[in-house]
C-alpha cells in the first residue's frame, strides 16, 4: 500500500516512531523497473491510483536516509498473465496460451515480475 501514500516521508517517520530498536518494516510495491511495467506502462493503473513509483534505488535511499538496514530484497517472478501482456506489448502480437507456455517457462526466471519487496531493520 506504500505506493498509495501521498506523503511517504511522513508515513515512514510515523511507522519508525512506532517501531522498537531492531524492529522490522516491510514494504511491497509495484516494481517500475520490471519488464512488464516498462513495456506496458499504465497496466497497473486502471484507473490511475498510485501516488508514487518506488524503485530499488528508492528503497536504498530510504534505508540511508532513515538509518535502516536492508535485510532482504526480493523481486517477484513474472507470472504467465504478465508475460503474455509483456509479449503482446513488446512484439505487438497476441500470445496463444498453448503454443507459448514453454517459452514462458524458459524466460520467466530472467524477467522480473510486477512487484518487489524490501525488509528494513531499524537500528
PDB file of N, CA and C in Angstrom:
ATOM      1  N   UNK A   1       0.800  -1.200   0.000  1.00  0.00           N
ATOM      2  CA  UNK A   1       0.000   0.000   0.000  1.00  0.00           C
ATOM      3  C   UNK A   1       0.846   1.269   0.000  1.00  0.00           C
ATOM      4  N   UNK A   2       2.150   1.127   0.140  1.00  0.00           N
ATOM      5  CA  UNK A   2       3.037   2.296   0.205  1.00  0.00           C
ATOM      6  C   UNK A   2       2.917   3.171  -1.038  1.00  0.00           C
ATOM      7  N   UNK A   3       2.645   2.567  -2.199  1.00  0.00           N
ATOM      8  CA  UNK A   3       2.515   3.335  -3.440  1.00  0.00           C
ATOM      9  C   UNK A   3       1.255   4.208  -3.459  1.00  0.00           C
ATOM     10  N   UNK A   4       0.372   4.019  -2.473  1.00  0.00           N
ATOM     11  CA  UNK A   4      -0.857   4.815  -2.385  1.00  0.00           C
ATOM     12  C   UNK A   4      -0.731   5.979  -1.396  1.00  0.00           C
ATOM     13  N   UNK A   5       0.420   6.108  -0.765  1.00  0.00           N
ATOM     14  CA  UNK A   5       0.624   7.129   0.269  1.00  0.00           C
ATOM     15  C   UNK A   5       1.000   8.465  -0.383  1.00  0.00           C
ATOM     16  N   UNK A   6       0.257   9.512  -0.018  1.00  0.00           N
ATOM     17  CA  UNK A   6       0.517  10.852  -0.560  1.00  0.00           C
ATOM     18  C   UNK A   6       1.783  11.491   0.005  1.00  0.00           C
ATOM     19  N   UNK A   7       2.077  11.216   1.255  1.00  0.00           N
ATOM     20  CA  UNK A   7       3.230  11.821   1.929  1.00  0.00           C
ATOM     21  C   UNK A   7       4.122  10.710   2.479  1.00  0.00           C
ATOM     22  N   UNK A   8       4.954  10.122   1.616  1.00  0.00           N
ATOM     23  CA  UNK A   8       5.745   8.962   2.038  1.00  0.00           C
ATOM     24  C   UNK A   8       6.710   9.259   3.183  1.00  0.00           C
ATOM     25  N   UNK A   9       7.276  10.468   3.215  1.00  0.00           N
ATOM     26  CA  UNK A   9       8.218  10.793   4.299  1.00  0.00           C
ATOM     27  C   UNK A   9       7.502  10.757   5.648  1.00  0.00           C
ATOM     28  N   UNK A  10       6.327  11.353   5.724  1.00  0.00           N
ATOM     29  CA  UNK A  10       5.568  11.349   6.980  1.00  0.00           C
ATOM     30  C   UNK A  10       5.177   9.933   7.374  1.00  0.00           C
ATOM     31  N   UNK A  11       4.774   9.126   6.392  1.00  0.00           N
ATOM     32  CA  UNK A  11       4.396   7.746   6.663  1.00  0.00           C
ATOM     33  C   UNK A  11       5.570   6.983   7.278  1.00  0.00           C
ATOM     34  N   UNK A  12       6.742   7.082   6.655  1.00  0.00           N
ATOM     35  CA  UNK A  12       7.915   6.359   7.165  1.00  0.00           C
ATOM     36  C   UNK A  12       8.269   6.836   8.566  1.00  0.00           C
ATOM     37  N   UNK A  13       8.281   8.147   8.776  1.00  0.00           N
ATOM     38  CA  UNK A  13       8.606   8.682  10.098  1.00  0.00           C
ATOM     39  C   UNK A  13       7.614   8.194  11.156  1.00  0.00           C
ATOM     40  N   UNK A  14       6.322   8.188  10.826  1.00  0.00           N
ATOM     41  CA  UNK A  14       5.308   7.712  11.770  1.00  0.00           C
ATOM     42  C   UNK A  14       5.512   6.236  12.105  1.00  0.00           C
ATOM     43  N   UNK A  15       5.773   5.418  11.080  1.00  0.00           N
ATOM     44  CA  UNK A  15       5.984   3.993  11.309  1.00  0.00           C
ATOM     45  C   UNK A  15       7.234   3.770  12.145  1.00  0.00           C
ATOM     46  N   UNK A  16       8.312   4.480  11.834  1.00  0.00           N
ATOM     47  CA  UNK A  16       9.559   4.287  12.579  1.00  0.00           C
ATOM     48  C   UNK A  16       9.421   4.722  14.036  1.00  0.00           C
ATOM     49  N   UNK A  17       8.584   5.705  14.295  1.00  0.00           N
ATOM     50  CA  UNK A  17       8.332   6.119  15.685  1.00  0.00           C
ATOM     51  C   UNK A  17       7.606   5.028  16.468  1.00  0.00           C
ATOM     52  N   UNK A  18       6.880   4.177  15.780  1.00  0.00           N
ATOM     53  CA  UNK A  18       6.156   3.082  16.434  1.00  0.00           C
ATOM     54  C   UNK A  18       7.015   1.840  16.626  1.00  0.00           C
ATOM     55  N   UNK A  19       8.085   1.728  15.834  1.00  0.00           N
ATOM     56  CA  UNK A  19       8.937   0.535  15.896  1.00  0.00           C
ATOM     57  C   UNK A  19       9.947   0.616  17.035  1.00  0.00           C
ATOM     58  N   UNK A  20      10.176  -0.516  17.671  1.00  0.00           N
ATOM     59  CA  UNK A  20      11.259  -0.619  18.639  1.00  0.00           C
ATOM     60  C   UNK A  20      12.581  -0.710  17.890  1.00  0.00           C
ATOM     61  N   UNK A  21      13.688  -0.475  18.611  1.00  0.00           N
ATOM     62  CA  UNK A  21      15.002  -0.718  18.031  1.00  0.00           C
ATOM     63  C   UNK A  21      15.049  -2.179  17.597  1.00  0.00           C
ATOM     64  N   UNK A  22      15.637  -2.440  16.444  1.00  0.00           N
ATOM     65  CA  UNK A  22      15.706  -3.768  15.829  1.00  0.00           C
ATOM     66  C   UNK A  22      14.356  -4.265  15.309  1.00  0.00           C
ATOM     67  N   UNK A  23      13.355  -3.360  15.252  1.00  0.00           N
ATOM     68  CA  UNK A  23      12.068  -3.719  14.664  1.00  0.00           C
ATOM     69  C   UNK A  23      12.170  -3.729  13.147  1.00  0.00           C
ATOM     70  N   UNK A  24      11.203  -4.353  12.498  1.00  0.00           N
ATOM     71  CA  UNK A  24      11.225  -4.506  11.047  1.00  0.00           C
ATOM     72  C   UNK A  24      10.080  -3.750  10.374  1.00  0.00           C
ATOM     73  N   UNK A  25      10.397  -3.188   9.220  1.00  0.00           N
ATOM     74  CA  UNK A  25       9.417  -2.552   8.348  1.00  0.00           C
ATOM     75  C   UNK A  25       9.503  -3.248   6.999  1.00  0.00           C
ATOM     76  N   UNK A  26       8.382  -3.781   6.525  1.00  0.00           N
ATOM     77  CA  UNK A  26       8.344  -4.471   5.238  1.00  0.00           C
ATOM     78  C   UNK A  26       7.462  -3.667   4.291  1.00  0.00           C
ATOM     79  N   UNK A  27       8.005  -3.348   3.124  1.00  0.00           N
ATOM     80  CA  UNK A  27       7.249  -2.642   2.098  1.00  0.00           C
ATOM     81  C   UNK A  27       7.264  -3.469   0.819  1.00  0.00           C
ATOM     82  N   UNK A  28       6.107  -3.589   0.190  1.00  0.00           N
ATOM     83  CA  UNK A  28       5.977  -4.278  -1.088  1.00  0.00           C
ATOM     84  C   UNK A  28       5.189  -3.362  -2.013  1.00  0.00           C
ATOM     85  N   UNK A  29       5.740  -3.118  -3.192  1.00  0.00           N
ATOM     86  CA  UNK A  29       5.106  -2.199  -4.135  1.00  0.00           C
ATOM     87  C   UNK A  29       5.248  -2.733  -5.557  1.00  0.00           C
ATOM     88  N   UNK A  30       4.472  -2.168  -6.496  1.00  0.00           N
ATOM     89  CA  UNK A  30       4.755  -2.473  -7.898  1.00  0.00           C
ATOM     90  C   UNK A  30       6.197  -2.071  -8.216  1.00  0.00           C
ATOM     91  N   UNK A  31       6.837  -2.830  -9.085  1.00  0.00           N
ATOM     92  CA  UNK A  31       8.241  -2.588  -9.423  1.00  0.00           C
ATOM     93  C   UNK A  31       8.321  -1.873 -10.780  1.00  0.00           C
ATOM     94  N   UNK A  32       8.541  -0.550 -10.780  1.00  0.00           N
ATOM     95  CA  UNK A  32       8.583   0.174 -12.054  1.00  0.00           C
ATOM     96  C   UNK A  32       9.732  -0.253 -12.967  1.00  0.00           C
ATOM     97  N   UNK A  33      10.692  -0.998 -12.433  1.00  0.00           N
ATOM     98  CA  UNK A  33      11.805  -1.490 -13.243  1.00  0.00           C
ATOM     99  C   UNK A  33      11.524  -2.853 -13.871  1.00  0.00           C
ATOM    100  N   UNK A  34      10.364  -3.436 -13.589  1.00  0.00           N
ATOM    101  CA  UNK A  34      10.060  -4.753 -14.156  1.00  0.00           C
ATOM    102  C   UNK A  34       9.810  -4.648 -15.653  1.00  0.00           C
ATOM    103  N   UNK A  35      10.065  -5.736 -16.344  1.00  0.00           N
ATOM    104  CA  UNK A  35       9.855  -5.765 -17.794  1.00  0.00           C
ATOM    105  C   UNK A  35       8.399  -5.481 -18.140  1.00  0.00           C
ATOM    106  N   UNK A  36       7.476  -5.998 -17.349  1.00  0.00           N
ATOM    107  CA  UNK A  36       6.051  -5.781 -17.620  1.00  0.00           C
ATOM    108  C   UNK A  36       5.709  -4.297 -17.585  1.00  0.00           C
ATOM    109  N   UNK A  37       6.080  -3.610 -16.526  1.00  0.00           N
ATOM    110  CA  UNK A  37       5.704  -2.201 -16.367  1.00  0.00           C
ATOM    111  C   UNK A  37       6.461  -1.321 -17.353  1.00  0.00           C
ATOM    112  N   UNK A  38       7.726  -1.644 -17.634  1.00  0.00           N
ATOM    113  CA  UNK A  38       8.484  -0.867 -18.631  1.00  0.00           C
ATOM    114  C   UNK A  38       7.864  -0.979 -20.020  1.00  0.00           C
ATOM    115  N   UNK A  39       7.390  -2.176 -20.384  1.00  0.00           N
ATOM    116  CA  UNK A  39       6.851  -2.405 -21.721  1.00  0.00           C
ATOM    117  C   UNK A  39       5.342  -2.174 -21.827  1.00  0.00           C
ATOM    118  N   UNK A  40       4.670  -2.136 -20.700  1.00  0.00           N
ATOM    119  CA  UNK A  40       3.215  -1.924 -20.689  1.00  0.00           C
ATOM    120  C   UNK A  40       2.896  -0.809 -19.688  1.00  0.00           C
ATOM    121  N   UNK A  41       3.357   0.414 -19.942  1.00  0.00           N
ATOM    122  CA  UNK A  41       3.126   1.495 -18.986  1.00  0.00           C
ATOM    123  C   UNK A  41       1.633   1.642 -18.686  1.00  0.00           C
ATOM    124  N   UNK A  42       1.323   1.801 -17.421  1.00  0.00           N
ATOM    125  CA  UNK A  42      -0.063   2.010 -17.024  1.00  0.00           C
ATOM    126  C   UNK A  42      -0.873   0.752 -16.837  1.00  0.00           C
ATOM    127  N   UNK A  43      -0.267  -0.439 -17.045  1.00  0.00           N
ATOM    128  CA  UNK A  43      -1.048  -1.678 -16.945  1.00  0.00           C
ATOM    129  C   UNK A  43      -1.627  -1.882 -15.541  1.00  0.00           C
ATOM    130  N   UNK A  44      -0.957  -1.368 -14.532  1.00  0.00           N
ATOM    131  CA  UNK A  44      -1.453  -1.497 -13.154  1.00  0.00           C
ATOM    132  C   UNK A  44      -2.145  -0.217 -12.682  1.00  0.00           C
ATOM    133  N   UNK A  45      -2.422   0.686 -13.583  1.00  0.00           N
ATOM    134  CA  UNK A  45      -3.004   1.978 -13.241  1.00  0.00           C
ATOM    135  C   UNK A  45      -4.400   2.145 -13.845  1.00  0.00           C
ATOM    136  N   UNK A  46      -5.235   1.150 -13.711  1.00  0.00           N
ATOM    137  CA  UNK A  46      -6.572   1.214 -14.288  1.00  0.00           C
ATOM    138  C   UNK A  46      -7.610   1.103 -13.188  1.00  0.00           C
ATOM    139  N   UNK A  47      -8.200   2.156 -12.701  1.00  0.00           N
ATOM    140  CA  UNK A  47      -7.928   3.563 -13.014  1.00  0.00           C
ATOM    141  C   UNK A  47      -6.648   4.017 -12.315  1.00  0.00           C
ATOM    142  N   UNK A  48      -6.128   5.180 -12.695  1.00  0.00           N
ATOM    143  CA  UNK A  48      -4.915   5.681 -12.019  1.00  0.00           C
ATOM    144  C   UNK A  48      -5.167   5.840 -10.518  1.00  0.00           C
ATOM    145  N   UNK A  49      -4.298   5.258  -9.715  1.00  0.00           N
ATOM    146  CA  UNK A  49      -4.492   5.326  -8.268  1.00  0.00           C
ATOM    147  C   UNK A  49      -3.198   5.289  -7.465  1.00  0.00           C
ATOM    148  N   UNK A  50      -2.059   5.111  -8.095  1.00  0.00           N
ATOM    149  CA  UNK A  50      -0.792   5.105  -7.366  1.00  0.00           C
ATOM    150  C   UNK A  50      -0.250   6.523  -7.273  1.00  0.00           C
ATOM    151  N   UNK A  51       0.210   6.886  -6.089  1.00  0.00           N
ATOM    152  CA  UNK A  51       0.743   8.232  -5.856  1.00  0.00           C
ATOM    153  C   UNK A  51       2.235   8.319  -6.165  1.00  0.00           C
ATOM    154  N   UNK A  52       2.956   7.204  -5.977  1.00  0.00           N
ATOM    155  CA  UNK A  52       4.407   7.215  -6.181  1.00  0.00           C
ATOM    156  C   UNK A  52       4.856   5.917  -6.838  1.00  0.00           C
ATOM    157  N   UNK A  53       5.974   5.982  -7.564  1.00  0.00           N
ATOM    158  CA  UNK A  53       6.679   4.804  -8.051  1.00  0.00           C
ATOM    159  C   UNK A  53       7.857   4.580  -7.117  1.00  0.00           C
ATOM    160  N   UNK A  54       8.071   3.356  -6.713  1.00  0.00           N
ATOM    161  CA  UNK A  54       9.155   3.056  -5.782  1.00  0.00           C
ATOM    162  C   UNK A  54      10.109   2.066  -6.439  1.00  0.00           C
ATOM    163  N   UNK A  55      11.281   2.558  -6.801  1.00  0.00           N
ATOM    164  CA  UNK A  55      12.306   1.723  -7.425  1.00  0.00           C
ATOM    165  C   UNK A  55      13.192   1.099  -6.343  1.00  0.00           C
ATOM    166  N   UNK A  56      14.044   0.181  -6.755  1.00  0.00           N
ATOM    167  CA  UNK A  56      15.007  -0.408  -5.816  1.00  0.00           C
ATOM    168  C   UNK A  56      15.911   0.681  -5.254  1.00  0.00           C
ATOM    169  N   UNK A  57      16.323   1.624  -6.099  1.00  0.00           N
ATOM    170  CA  UNK A  57      17.185   2.704  -5.612  1.00  0.00           C
ATOM    171  C   UNK A  57      16.436   3.597  -4.616  1.00  0.00           C
ATOM    172  N   UNK A  58      15.118   3.709  -4.754  1.00  0.00           N
ATOM    173  CA  UNK A  58      14.338   4.468  -3.761  1.00  0.00           C
ATOM    174  C   UNK A  58      14.347   3.746  -2.418  1.00  0.00           C
ATOM    175  N   UNK A  59      14.235   2.417  -2.441  1.00  0.00           N
ATOM    176  CA  UNK A  59      14.337   1.657  -1.189  1.00  0.00           C
ATOM    177  C   UNK A  59      15.716   1.871  -0.559  1.00  0.00           C
ATOM    178  N   UNK A  60      16.763   1.862  -1.367  1.00  0.00           N
ATOM    179  CA  UNK A  60      18.122   2.086  -0.852  1.00  0.00           C
ATOM    180  C   UNK A  60      18.260   3.493  -0.276  1.00  0.00           C
ATOM    181  N   UNK A  61      17.646   4.473  -0.915  1.00  0.00           N
ATOM    182  CA  UNK A  61      17.666   5.844  -0.408  1.00  0.00           C
ATOM    183  C   UNK A  61      16.955   5.920   0.944  1.00  0.00           C
ATOM    184  N   UNK A  62      15.811   5.261   1.058  1.00  0.00           N
ATOM    185  CA  UNK A  62      15.071   5.247   2.325  1.00  0.00           C
ATOM    186  C   UNK A  62      15.939   4.664   3.431  1.00  0.00           C
ATOM    187  N   UNK A  63      16.634   3.565   3.134  1.00  0.00           N
ATOM    188  CA  UNK A  63      17.499   2.936   4.131  1.00  0.00           C
ATOM    189  C   UNK A  63      18.582   3.903   4.596  1.00  0.00           C
ATOM    190  N   UNK A  64      19.211   4.570   3.661  1.00  0.00           N
ATOM    191  CA  UNK A  64      20.282   5.504   4.004  1.00  0.00           C
ATOM    192  C   UNK A  64      19.748   6.714   4.770  1.00  0.00           C
ATOM    193  N   UNK A  65      18.664   7.273   4.276  1.00  0.00           N
ATOM    194  CA  UNK A  65      18.091   8.495   4.863  1.00  0.00           C
ATOM    195  C   UNK A  65      17.608   8.285   6.296  1.00  0.00           C
ATOM    196  N   UNK A  66      17.074   7.094   6.585  1.00  0.00           N
ATOM    197  CA  UNK A  66      16.487   6.841   7.904  1.00  0.00           C
ATOM    198  C   UNK A  66      17.315   5.863   8.746  1.00  0.00           C
ATOM    199  N   UNK A  67      18.575   5.651   8.341  1.00  0.00           N
ATOM    200  CA  UNK A  67      19.486   4.785   9.081  1.00  0.00           C
ATOM    201  C   UNK A  67      18.885   3.397   9.330  1.00  0.00           C
ATOM    202  N   UNK A  68      18.408   2.786   8.254  1.00  0.00           N
ATOM    203  CA  UNK A  68      17.824   1.452   8.314  1.00  0.00           C
ATOM    204  C   UNK A  68      18.745   0.468   7.605  1.00  0.00           C
ATOM    205  N   UNK A  69      18.667  -0.770   8.006  1.00  0.00           N
ATOM    206  CA  UNK A  69      19.413  -1.827   7.331  1.00  0.00           C
ATOM    207  C   UNK A  69      18.459  -2.604   6.437  1.00  0.00           C
ATOM    208  N   UNK A  70      18.821  -2.818   5.186  1.00  0.00           N
ATOM    209  CA  UNK A  70      18.026  -3.682   4.314  1.00  0.00           C
ATOM    210  C   UNK A  70      18.458  -5.114   4.596  1.00  0.00           C
ATOM    211  N   UNK A  71      17.538  -5.902   5.136  1.00  0.00           N
ATOM    212  CA  UNK A  71      17.867  -7.293   5.466  1.00  0.00           C
ATOM    213  C   UNK A  71      17.470  -8.243   4.351  1.00  0.00           C
ATOM    214  N   UNK A  72      16.533  -7.807   3.503  1.00  0.00           N
ATOM    215  CA  UNK A  72      16.127  -8.663   2.387  1.00  0.00           C
ATOM    216  C   UNK A  72      15.484  -7.805   1.303  1.00  0.00           C
ATOM    217  N   UNK A  73      15.766  -8.161   0.062  1.00  0.00           N
ATOM    218  CA  UNK A  73      15.131  -7.532  -1.094  1.00  0.00           C
ATOM    219  C   UNK A  73      14.745  -8.645  -2.058  1.00  0.00           C
ATOM    220  N   UNK A  74      13.487  -8.681  -2.464  1.00  0.00           N
ATOM    221  CA  UNK A  74      13.002  -9.727  -3.362  1.00  0.00           C
ATOM    222  C   UNK A  74      12.213  -9.110  -4.510  1.00  0.00           C
ATOM    223  N   UNK A  75      12.353  -9.710  -5.691  1.00  0.00           N
ATOM    224  CA  UNK A  75      11.546  -9.344  -6.842  1.00  0.00           C
ATOM    225  C   UNK A  75      10.713 -10.564  -7.221  1.00  0.00           C
ATOM    226  N   UNK A  76       9.450 -10.346  -7.524  1.00  0.00           N
ATOM    227  CA  UNK A  76       8.605 -11.478  -7.904  1.00  0.00           C
ATOM    228  C   UNK A  76       8.988 -11.994  -9.283  1.00  0.00           C
ATOM    229  N   UNK A  77       8.747 -13.284  -9.499  1.00  0.00           N
ATOM    230  CA  UNK A  77       8.916 -13.849 -10.836  1.00  0.00           C
ATOM    231  C   UNK A  77       7.740 -13.389 -11.691  1.00  0.00           C
ATOM    232  N   UNK A  78       7.963 -13.287 -12.978  1.00  0.00           N
ATOM    233  CA  UNK A  78       6.896 -12.879 -13.874  1.00  0.00           C
ATOM    234  C   UNK A  78       5.881 -14.012 -14.008  1.00  0.00           C
ATOM    235  N   UNK A  79       4.620 -13.695 -13.728  1.00  0.00           N
ATOM    236  CA  UNK A  79       3.537 -14.664 -13.877  1.00  0.00           C
ATOM    237  C   UNK A  79       3.154 -14.762 -15.357  1.00  0.00           C
ATOM    238  N   UNK A  80       2.424 -15.827 -15.698  1.00  0.00           N
ATOM    239  CA  UNK A  80       2.082 -16.065 -17.101  1.00  0.00           C
ATOM    240  C   UNK A  80       1.248 -14.919 -17.688  1.00  0.00           C
ATOM    241  N   UNK A  81       0.267 -14.404 -16.940  1.00  0.00           N
ATOM    242  CA  UNK A  81      -0.559 -13.311 -17.474  1.00  0.00           C
ATOM    243  C   UNK A  81       0.295 -12.073 -17.729  1.00  0.00           C
ATOM    244  N   UNK A  82       1.299 -11.839 -16.860  1.00  0.00           N
ATOM    245  CA  UNK A  82       2.203 -10.709 -17.058  1.00  0.00           C
ATOM    246  C   UNK A  82       3.034 -10.912 -18.323  1.00  0.00           C
ATOM    247  N   UNK A  83       3.545 -12.138 -18.489  1.00  0.00           N
ATOM    248  CA  UNK A  83       4.383 -12.458 -19.645  1.00  0.00           C
ATOM    249  C   UNK A  83       3.600 -12.274 -20.940  1.00  0.00           C
ATOM    250  N   UNK A  84       2.342 -12.710 -20.947  1.00  0.00           N
ATOM    251  CA  UNK A  84       1.507 -12.554 -22.150  1.00  0.00           C
ATOM    252  C   UNK A  84       1.354 -11.072 -22.491  1.00  0.00           C
ATOM    253  N   UNK A  85       1.083 -10.243 -21.505  1.00  0.00           N
ATOM    254  CA  UNK A  85       0.947  -8.804 -21.754  1.00  0.00           C
ATOM    255  C   UNK A  85       2.271  -8.178 -22.176  1.00  0.00           C
ATOM    256  N   UNK A  86       3.352  -8.623 -21.567  1.00  0.00           N
ATOM    257  CA  UNK A  86       4.690  -8.156 -21.926  1.00  0.00           C
ATOM    258  C   UNK A  86       4.991  -8.486 -23.389  1.00  0.00           C
ATOM    259  N   UNK A  87       4.734  -9.735 -23.795  1.00  0.00           N
ATOM    260  CA  UNK A  87       4.988 -10.162 -25.172  1.00  0.00           C
ATOM    261  C   UNK A  87       4.099  -9.406 -26.159  1.00  0.00           C
ATOM    262  N   UNK A  88       2.846  -9.226 -25.783  1.00  0.00           N
ATOM    263  CA  UNK A  88       1.910  -8.506 -26.659  1.00  0.00           C
ATOM    264  C   UNK A  88       2.394  -7.078 -26.890  1.00  0.00           C
ATOM    265  N   UNK A  89       2.846  -6.413 -25.832  1.00  0.00           N
ATOM    266  CA  UNK A  89       3.327  -5.027 -25.959  1.00  0.00           C
ATOM    267  C   UNK A  89       4.661  -4.976 -26.705  1.00  0.00           C
ATOM    268  N   UNK A  90       5.550  -5.893 -26.392  1.00  0.00           N
ATOM    269  CA  UNK A  90       6.883  -5.868 -26.981  1.00  0.00           C
ATOM    270  C   UNK A  90       6.865  -6.204 -28.472  1.00  0.00           C
ATOM    271  N   UNK A  91       6.061  -7.192 -28.847  1.00  0.00           N
ATOM    272  CA  UNK A  91       6.062  -7.664 -30.241  1.00  0.00           C
ATOM    273  C   UNK A  91       4.769  -7.357 -30.988  1.00  0.00           C
ATOM    274  N   UNK A  92       3.863  -6.651 -30.315  1.00  0.00           N
ATOM    275  CA  UNK A  92       2.594  -6.265 -30.918  1.00  0.00           C
ATOM    276  C   UNK A  92       1.852  -7.475 -31.491  1.00  0.00           C
ATOM    277  N   UNK A  93       1.771  -8.538 -30.695  1.00  0.00           N
ATOM    278  CA  UNK A  93       1.086  -9.759 -31.126  1.00  0.00           C
ATOM    279  C   UNK A  93       0.406 -10.416 -29.928  1.00  0.00           C
ATOM    280  N   UNK A  94      -0.694 -11.116 -30.177  1.00  0.00           N
ATOM    281  CA  UNK A  94      -1.348 -11.891 -29.126  1.00  0.00           C
ATOM    282  C   UNK A  94      -0.568 -13.175 -28.897  1.00  0.00           C
ATOM    283  N   UNK A  95      -0.584 -13.644 -27.664  1.00  0.00           N
ATOM    284  CA  UNK A  95       0.142 -14.862 -27.316  1.00  0.00           C
ATOM    285  C   UNK A  95      -0.855 -15.988 -27.118  1.00  0.00           C
ATOM    286  N   UNK A  96      -0.696 -17.054 -27.878  1.00  0.00           N
ATOM    287  CA  UNK A  96      -1.532 -18.238 -27.752  1.00  0.00           C
ATOM    288  C   UNK A  96      -1.034 -19.039 -26.553  1.00  0.00           C
ATOM    289  N   UNK A  97      -1.921 -19.307 -25.625  1.00  0.00           N
ATOM    290  CA  UNK A  97      -1.522 -19.971 -24.381  1.00  0.00           C
ATOM    291  C   UNK A  97      -0.847 -21.319 -24.650  1.00  0.00           C
ATOM    292  N   UNK A  98      -1.435 -22.149 -25.480  1.00  0.00           N
ATOM    293  CA  UNK A  98      -0.902 -23.499 -25.691  1.00  0.00           C
ATOM    294  C   UNK A  98       0.461 -23.504 -26.366  1.00  0.00           C
ATOM    295  N   UNK A  99       0.653 -22.682 -27.363  1.00  0.00           N
ATOM    296  CA  UNK A  99       1.897 -22.757 -28.129  1.00  0.00           C
ATOM    297  C   UNK A  99       3.046 -21.964 -27.501  1.00  0.00           C
ATOM    298  N   UNK A 100       2.770 -21.101 -26.540  1.00  0.00           N
ATOM    299  CA  UNK A 100       3.830 -20.271 -25.978  1.00  0.00           C
ATOM    300  C   UNK A 100       4.158 -20.543 -24.510  1.00  0.00           C
ATOM    301  N   UNK A 101       3.450 -21.473 -23.889  1.00  0.00           N
ATOM    302  CA  UNK A 101       3.686 -21.707 -22.471  1.00  0.00           C
ATOM    303  C   UNK A 101       5.111 -22.198 -22.211  1.00  0.00           C
ATOM    304  N   UNK A 102       5.662 -23.013 -23.085  1.00  0.00           N
ATOM    305  CA  UNK A 102       7.047 -23.492 -22.914  1.00  0.00           C
ATOM    306  C   UNK A 102       8.033 -22.333 -22.993  1.00  0.00           C
ATOM    307  N   UNK A 103       7.789 -21.380 -23.885  1.00  0.00           N
ATOM    308  CA  UNK A 103       8.647 -20.189 -23.971  1.00  0.00           C
ATOM    309  C   UNK A 103       8.610 -19.418 -22.657  1.00  0.00           C
ATOM    310  N   UNK A 104       7.402 -19.289 -22.113  1.00  0.00           N
ATOM    311  CA  UNK A 104       7.244 -18.596 -20.834  1.00  0.00           C
ATOM    312  C   UNK A 104       8.068 -19.282 -19.749  1.00  0.00           C
ATOM    313  N   UNK A 105       7.986 -20.597 -19.669  1.00  0.00           N
ATOM    314  CA  UNK A 105       8.725 -21.334 -18.639  1.00  0.00           C
ATOM    315  C   UNK A 105      10.231 -21.126 -18.771  1.00  0.00           C
ATOM    316  N   UNK A 106      10.726 -20.991 -20.004  1.00  0.00           N
ATOM    317  CA  UNK A 106      12.152 -20.767 -20.223  1.00  0.00           C
ATOM    318  C   UNK A 106      12.570 -19.349 -19.824  1.00  0.00           C
ATOM    319  N   UNK A 107      11.706 -18.364 -20.080  1.00  0.00           N
ATOM    320  CA  UNK A 107      12.056 -16.959 -19.874  1.00  0.00           C
ATOM    321  C   UNK A 107      11.731 -16.419 -18.490  1.00  0.00           C
ATOM    322  N   UNK A 108      10.792 -17.014 -17.770  1.00  0.00           N
ATOM    323  CA  UNK A 108      10.252 -16.377 -16.570  1.00  0.00           C
ATOM    324  C   UNK A 108      11.292 -16.089 -15.488  1.00  0.00           C
ATOM    325  N   UNK A 109      12.339 -16.890 -15.396  1.00  0.00           N
ATOM    326  CA  UNK A 109      13.357 -16.645 -14.373  1.00  0.00           C
ATOM    327  C   UNK A 109      14.287 -15.488 -14.743  1.00  0.00           C
ATOM    328  N   UNK A 110      14.248 -15.069 -16.000  1.00  0.00           N
ATOM    329  CA  UNK A 110      15.107 -13.976 -16.453  1.00  0.00           C
ATOM    330  C   UNK A 110      14.387 -12.630 -16.408  1.00  0.00           C
ATOM    331  N   UNK A 111      13.078 -12.646 -16.193  1.00  0.00           N
ATOM    332  CA  UNK A 111      12.290 -11.425 -16.205  1.00  0.00           C
ATOM    333  C   UNK A 111      11.661 -11.203 -14.836  1.00  0.00           C
ATOM    334  N   UNK A 112      11.788  -9.992 -14.329  1.00  0.00           N
ATOM    335  CA  UNK A 112      11.181  -9.705 -13.032  1.00  0.00           C
ATOM    336  C   UNK A 112       9.698  -9.417 -13.198  1.00  0.00           C
ATOM    337  N   UNK A 113       8.955  -9.782 -12.190  1.00  0.00           N
ATOM    338  CA  UNK A 113       7.516  -9.576 -12.196  1.00  0.00           C
ATOM    339  C   UNK A 113       7.131  -8.171 -11.778  1.00  0.00           C
ATOM    340  N   UNK A 114       5.868  -8.015 -11.506  1.00  0.00           N
ATOM    341  CA  UNK A 114       5.309  -6.685 -11.292  1.00  0.00           C
ATOM    342  C   UNK A 114       5.580  -6.110  -9.908  1.00  0.00           C
ATOM    343  N   UNK A 115       6.020  -6.908  -8.959  1.00  0.00           N
ATOM    344  CA  UNK A 115       6.206  -6.393  -7.598  1.00  0.00           C
ATOM    345  C   UNK A 115       7.611  -6.679  -7.067  1.00  0.00           C
ATOM    346  N   UNK A 116       7.973  -5.883  -6.068  1.00  0.00           N
ATOM    347  CA  UNK A 116       9.193  -6.148  -5.323  1.00  0.00           C
ATOM    348  C   UNK A 116       8.941  -5.786  -3.866  1.00  0.00           C
ATOM    349  N   UNK A 117       9.790  -6.335  -2.994  1.00  0.00           N
ATOM    350  CA  UNK A 117       9.592  -6.203  -1.568  1.00  0.00           C
ATOM    351  C   UNK A 117      10.930  -5.965  -0.889  1.00  0.00           C
ATOM    352  N   UNK A 118      10.912  -5.133   0.129  1.00  0.00           N
ATOM    353  CA  UNK A 118      12.119  -4.897   0.913  1.00  0.00           C
ATOM    354  C   UNK A 118      11.767  -5.041   2.390  1.00  0.00           C
ATOM    355  N   UNK A 119      12.723  -5.569   3.132  1.00  0.00           N
ATOM    356  CA  UNK A 119      12.588  -5.651   4.591  1.00  0.00           C
ATOM    357  C   UNK A 119      13.682  -4.790   5.198  1.00  0.00           C
ATOM    358  N   UNK A 120      13.263  -3.764   5.943  1.00  0.00           N
ATOM    359  CA  UNK A 120      14.188  -2.865   6.641  1.00  0.00           C
ATOM    360  C   UNK A 120      14.240  -3.240   8.112  1.00  0.00           C
ATOM    361  N   UNK A 121      15.403  -3.094   8.717  1.00  0.00           N
ATOM    362  CA  UNK A 121      15.559  -3.280  10.150  1.00  0.00           C
ATOM    363  C   UNK A 121      15.969  -1.946  10.759  1.00  0.00           C
ATOM    364  N   UNK A 122      15.232  -1.527  11.799  1.00  0.00           N
ATOM    365  CA  UNK A 122      15.541  -0.275  12.494  1.00  0.00           C
ATOM    366  C   UNK A 122      16.760  -0.489  13.374  1.00  0.00           C
ATOM    367  N   UNK A 123      17.705   0.420  13.254  1.00  0.00           N
ATOM    368  CA  UNK A 123      18.928   0.301  14.073  1.00  0.00           C
ATOM    369  C   UNK A 123      18.788   1.021  15.386  1.00  0.00           C
TER     370      UNK A 123
END
